[in-house]
Protein backbone atom coordinates (compact mmCIF):
# COMPACT_ATOMS: atom_id res chain seq x y z
CA MET A 1 -15.53 5.27 -30.21
CA PRO A 2 -15.06 5.50 -25.96
CA ARG A 3 -13.24 7.90 -24.58
CA HIS A 4 -9.45 5.60 -23.65
CA ARG A 5 -7.41 3.82 -26.04
CA ALA A 6 -7.47 0.67 -23.88
CA ALA A 7 -11.28 0.93 -22.62
CA TYR A 8 -11.98 0.09 -26.64
CA ARG A 9 -9.30 -2.36 -26.91
CA VAL A 10 -11.10 -4.56 -24.12
CA ALA A 11 -13.97 -3.46 -25.47
CA THR A 12 -12.98 -5.09 -28.62
CA MET A 13 -10.13 -7.53 -28.92
CA TRP A 14 -10.70 -10.69 -29.77
CA ASN A 15 -8.99 -12.60 -27.14
CA ASP A 16 -8.14 -16.69 -27.67
CA ALA A 17 -6.21 -16.91 -24.77
CA ALA A 18 -5.96 -16.17 -21.31
CA ALA A 19 -2.96 -14.83 -21.59
CA GLY A 20 -4.55 -12.47 -23.84
CA LEU A 21 -6.88 -11.39 -21.86
CA GLU A 22 -4.27 -10.91 -18.73
CA GLN A 23 -2.69 -8.78 -21.18
CA THR A 24 -4.82 -6.50 -21.99
CA LEU A 25 -6.31 -5.83 -18.33
CA ARG A 26 -2.72 -5.54 -17.42
CA ASP A 27 -2.70 -2.52 -19.51
CA TYR A 28 -5.47 -1.34 -19.08
CA ASN A 29 -4.90 -1.04 -14.99
CA ARG A 30 -1.87 0.51 -16.24
CA ILE A 31 -2.55 3.28 -18.36
CA ASN A 32 -5.44 4.20 -15.65
CA ASN A 33 -2.84 4.23 -12.71
CA HIS A 34 -0.50 6.34 -14.36
CA HIS A 35 -1.53 7.84 -17.65
CA ILE A 36 -5.78 9.23 -16.99
CA PRO A 37 -5.81 11.80 -14.13
CA GLN A 38 -9.20 11.75 -12.66
CA ARG A 39 -11.27 14.76 -11.92
CA VAL A 40 -11.78 13.26 -8.38
CA LEU A 41 -8.35 13.22 -7.53
CA HIS A 42 -7.62 17.08 -8.34
CA HIS A 43 -6.31 16.00 -12.44
CA ARG A 44 -3.84 13.95 -11.26
CA THR A 45 -3.33 9.78 -11.60
CA SER A 46 -3.41 6.69 -8.95
CA VAL A 47 0.05 6.56 -8.90
CA GLN A 48 0.98 10.32 -8.31
CA THR A 49 -1.69 11.45 -5.67
CA LEU A 50 -0.85 7.44 -3.98
CA LYS A 51 3.12 9.24 -3.71
CA ALA A 52 1.98 12.26 -2.56
CA TRP A 53 0.16 11.74 0.51
CA GLN A 54 3.10 9.09 0.97
CA GLN A 55 4.95 12.34 1.76
CA ASN A 56 3.28 13.83 3.71
CA ARG A 57 1.48 10.61 5.84
CA PRO A 58 5.30 8.21 5.44
CA GLU A 59 3.84 5.97 8.50
CA LEU A 60 0.75 5.13 6.36
CA PHE A 61 3.25 2.94 3.59
CA ARG A 62 5.26 -0.89 4.14
CA LYS A 63 6.37 -0.16 0.35
CA GLN A 64 7.54 2.82 -1.61
CA VAL A 65 4.98 4.33 -3.88
CA GLY A 66 7.05 3.94 -7.50
CA GLU A 67 6.29 4.53 -10.90
CA ASP A 68 7.15 1.20 -12.35
CA VAL A 69 4.44 -1.85 -13.43
CA GLN A 70 5.64 -5.38 -13.36
CA THR A 71 3.77 -6.35 -16.94
CA THR A 72 5.19 -9.51 -16.59
């Protein structure tokens, strides 16, 4: 079994419709960005790292980094 549940779902799930594949990829993206810490980011998630950068260098960002992800 692969290391991450989302990767397992992408690898094994039959997607009969494009909408099913699209939702699976969105789920994988959300899990990867919000829940899986990355070693190269000092064991923080991508969103946590972006929030830290935004606090230190707000002039580099046009929009507020948020926790919510659109899943529509």
